[in-house]
Each structure stands twice: as structure tokens, then as C-alpha cells.
Amino acid sequence: MALRRGPLGLCKLPARSSPAVMNDDIVTVARARRAKGESVNAIARAQGVSRATLYRHIGEGA
């Protein structure tokens, strides 16, 4: 837990979120490529994301 000093003492810093890696266009293309039979490994490598990220967004079970 990160803290900072505020006017009333120590305060907890808000959590940071990472920027979205996948947008709707990328997900649509990934789903189409998967439907054509391309492997998840190849699609993930081409998109620059992990297989887990790709599975999470295209909605297929591992």
C-alpha cells in the first residue's frame, strides 16, 4: 500500500490502472482470425499481447 503525506497526515494513494491493450477493433479482428482456424498463439504474438489477455477478450475457454 502506497502512502503520501497530506494535509491531515498520511493518506492512501489511489490505485493506478493500466491502459487498455485491446480495443473493440482488435478484438473483432482476433475473433475473425480465430474463427478461420488461426492459433491463439499466432494471434496473440501478432497483436503483441499474452494468450491470457487474448482469451479474456475473445471469450473462449482455455
N, C-alpha and C. Protein backbone atom coordinates (compact mmCIF):
# COMPACT_ATOMS: atom_id res chain seq x y z
N MET A 1 0.86 -1.18 0.00
CA MET A 1 0.00 0.00 0.00
C MET A 1 0.89 1.23 0.00
N ALA A 2 0.70 2.11 -0.94
CA ALA A 2 1.48 3.33 -1.03
C ALA A 2 0.78 4.44 -0.24
N LEU A 3 1.59 5.22 0.45
CA LEU A 3 1.05 6.32 1.24
C LEU A 3 1.70 7.62 0.82
N ARG A 4 1.01 8.69 1.05
CA ARG A 4 1.58 10.02 0.84
C ARG A 4 1.17 10.90 2.00
N ARG A 5 1.93 11.94 2.23
CA ARG A 5 1.60 12.85 3.31
C ARG A 5 0.65 13.91 2.79
N GLY A 6 -0.50 14.03 3.42
CA GLY A 6 -1.50 15.00 3.04
C GLY A 6 -1.70 16.02 4.15
N PRO A 7 -2.66 16.92 4.00
CA PRO A 7 -2.90 17.95 4.99
C PRO A 7 -3.34 17.40 6.36
N LEU A 8 -3.89 16.19 6.35
CA LEU A 8 -4.36 15.60 7.61
C LEU A 8 -3.52 14.40 8.03
N GLY A 9 -2.32 14.29 7.54
CA GLY A 9 -1.47 13.16 7.88
C GLY A 9 -1.25 12.28 6.66
N LEU A 10 -1.04 10.99 6.92
CA LEU A 10 -0.80 10.06 5.82
C LEU A 10 -2.10 9.64 5.17
N CYS A 11 -2.10 9.60 3.84
CA CYS A 11 -3.28 9.22 3.06
C CYS A 11 -2.89 8.10 2.11
N LYS A 12 -3.82 7.22 1.84
CA LYS A 12 -3.61 6.15 0.88
C LYS A 12 -3.68 6.73 -0.53
N LEU A 13 -2.73 6.35 -1.40
CA LEU A 13 -2.75 6.79 -2.79
C LEU A 13 -3.80 6.01 -3.58
N PRO A 14 -4.46 6.65 -4.55
CA PRO A 14 -5.43 5.91 -5.37
C PRO A 14 -4.71 4.87 -6.23
N ALA A 15 -5.37 3.77 -6.50
CA ALA A 15 -4.80 2.70 -7.32
C ALA A 15 -4.68 3.18 -8.75
N ARG A 16 -3.62 2.77 -9.41
CA ARG A 16 -3.43 3.10 -10.83
C ARG A 16 -3.93 1.95 -11.67
N SER A 17 -4.51 2.26 -12.78
CA SER A 17 -4.91 1.20 -13.70
C SER A 17 -4.05 1.31 -14.94
N SER A 18 -3.81 0.19 -15.58
CA SER A 18 -3.02 0.22 -16.80
C SER A 18 -3.89 0.55 -17.99
N PRO A 19 -3.28 1.11 -19.02
CA PRO A 19 -4.06 1.45 -20.20
C PRO A 19 -4.58 0.20 -20.90
N ALA A 20 -5.69 0.32 -21.56
CA ALA A 20 -6.28 -0.82 -22.26
C ALA A 20 -5.39 -1.25 -23.42
N VAL A 21 -5.14 -2.53 -23.52
CA VAL A 21 -4.29 -3.07 -24.57
C VAL A 21 -5.14 -3.43 -25.79
N MET A 22 -6.35 -3.87 -25.54
CA MET A 22 -7.23 -4.34 -26.60
C MET A 22 -8.42 -3.39 -26.74
N ASN A 23 -8.71 -2.99 -27.97
CA ASN A 23 -9.92 -2.21 -28.21
C ASN A 23 -10.89 -3.06 -29.03
N ASP A 24 -12.07 -2.56 -29.29
CA ASP A 24 -13.10 -3.34 -29.98
C ASP A 24 -12.66 -3.80 -31.37
N ASP A 25 -11.92 -2.96 -32.09
CA ASP A 25 -11.47 -3.32 -33.44
C ASP A 25 -10.51 -4.50 -33.39
N ILE A 26 -9.57 -4.47 -32.45
CA ILE A 26 -8.59 -5.55 -32.33
C ILE A 26 -9.29 -6.85 -31.93
N VAL A 27 -10.26 -6.76 -31.03
CA VAL A 27 -11.00 -7.95 -30.59
C VAL A 27 -11.78 -8.55 -31.75
N THR A 28 -12.41 -7.71 -32.56
CA THR A 28 -13.17 -8.19 -33.72
C THR A 28 -12.26 -8.92 -34.70
N VAL A 29 -11.11 -8.34 -34.98
CA VAL A 29 -10.15 -8.97 -35.90
C VAL A 29 -9.64 -10.29 -35.31
N ALA A 30 -9.35 -10.29 -34.01
CA ALA A 30 -8.86 -11.51 -33.36
C ALA A 30 -9.90 -12.62 -33.41
N ARG A 31 -11.16 -12.28 -33.18
CA ARG A 31 -12.24 -13.28 -33.24
C ARG A 31 -12.38 -13.84 -34.66
N ALA A 32 -12.27 -12.97 -35.66
CA ALA A 32 -12.38 -13.42 -37.05
C ALA A 32 -11.22 -14.35 -37.41
N ARG A 33 -10.01 -14.00 -36.98
CA ARG A 33 -8.85 -14.83 -37.26
C ARG A 33 -8.98 -16.19 -36.57
N ARG A 34 -9.51 -16.18 -35.35
CA ARG A 34 -9.70 -17.43 -34.60
C ARG A 34 -10.75 -18.30 -35.28
N ALA A 35 -11.82 -17.66 -35.79
CA ALA A 35 -12.88 -18.40 -36.48
C ALA A 35 -12.35 -19.07 -37.76
N LYS A 36 -11.33 -18.47 -38.38
CA LYS A 36 -10.73 -19.05 -39.58
C LYS A 36 -9.76 -20.18 -39.25
N GLY A 37 -9.55 -20.42 -37.94
CA GLY A 37 -8.70 -21.53 -37.53
C GLY A 37 -7.29 -21.16 -37.13
N GLU A 38 -6.97 -19.89 -37.10
CA GLU A 38 -5.62 -19.49 -36.70
C GLU A 38 -5.43 -19.74 -35.20
N SER A 39 -4.22 -20.10 -34.82
CA SER A 39 -3.97 -20.43 -33.42
C SER A 39 -3.96 -19.17 -32.55
N VAL A 40 -4.32 -19.39 -31.29
CA VAL A 40 -4.33 -18.28 -30.33
C VAL A 40 -2.90 -17.75 -30.16
N ASN A 41 -1.92 -18.64 -30.17
CA ASN A 41 -0.52 -18.21 -30.05
C ASN A 41 -0.14 -17.23 -31.16
N ALA A 42 -0.50 -17.57 -32.39
CA ALA A 42 -0.14 -16.72 -33.53
C ALA A 42 -0.85 -15.37 -33.46
N ILE A 43 -2.12 -15.39 -33.09
CA ILE A 43 -2.88 -14.13 -33.00
C ILE A 43 -2.32 -13.25 -31.88
N ALA A 44 -2.05 -13.85 -30.73
CA ALA A 44 -1.52 -13.09 -29.60
C ALA A 44 -0.15 -12.50 -29.94
N ARG A 45 0.69 -13.28 -30.59
CA ARG A 45 2.01 -12.79 -30.98
C ARG A 45 1.89 -11.61 -31.95
N ALA A 46 0.98 -11.71 -32.91
CA ALA A 46 0.78 -10.65 -33.90
C ALA A 46 0.24 -9.37 -33.25
N GLN A 47 -0.61 -9.53 -32.23
CA GLN A 47 -1.20 -8.36 -31.56
C GLN A 47 -0.29 -7.80 -30.47
N GLY A 48 0.72 -8.56 -30.07
CA GLY A 48 1.63 -8.11 -29.02
C GLY A 48 1.03 -8.21 -27.63
N VAL A 49 0.17 -9.21 -27.42
CA VAL A 49 -0.45 -9.43 -26.11
C VAL A 49 -0.23 -10.87 -25.69
N SER A 50 -0.51 -11.17 -24.45
CA SER A 50 -0.37 -12.53 -23.97
C SER A 50 -1.57 -13.36 -24.40
N ARG A 51 -1.40 -14.69 -24.36
CA ARG A 51 -2.52 -15.57 -24.68
C ARG A 51 -3.66 -15.37 -23.69
N ALA A 52 -3.32 -15.14 -22.41
CA ALA A 52 -4.34 -14.93 -21.38
C ALA A 52 -5.18 -13.70 -21.69
N THR A 53 -4.53 -12.62 -22.10
CA THR A 53 -5.26 -11.40 -22.46
C THR A 53 -6.18 -11.65 -23.64
N LEU A 54 -5.67 -12.37 -24.62
CA LEU A 54 -6.48 -12.67 -25.80
C LEU A 54 -7.69 -13.53 -25.43
N TYR A 55 -7.46 -14.60 -24.66
CA TYR A 55 -8.59 -15.44 -24.23
C TYR A 55 -9.62 -14.64 -23.45
N ARG A 56 -9.15 -13.75 -22.57
CA ARG A 56 -10.07 -12.94 -21.75
C ARG A 56 -10.96 -12.07 -22.64
N HIS A 57 -10.43 -11.56 -23.72
CA HIS A 57 -11.20 -10.64 -24.57
C HIS A 57 -12.04 -11.34 -25.64
N ILE A 58 -11.58 -12.47 -26.14
CA ILE A 58 -12.36 -13.12 -27.20
C ILE A 58 -13.38 -14.09 -26.61
N GLY A 59 -13.28 -14.38 -25.32
CA GLY A 59 -14.31 -15.14 -24.65
C GLY A 59 -14.28 -16.63 -24.85
N GLU A 60 -13.15 -17.19 -25.27
CA GLU A 60 -13.03 -18.63 -25.43
C GLU A 60 -12.48 -19.23 -24.15
N GLY A 61 -12.90 -20.43 -23.83
CA GLY A 61 -12.32 -21.15 -22.70
C GLY A 61 -10.95 -21.68 -23.07
N ALA A 62 -10.08 -21.79 -22.09
CA ALA A 62 -8.73 -22.31 -22.34
C ALA A 62 -8.84 -23.78 -22.59
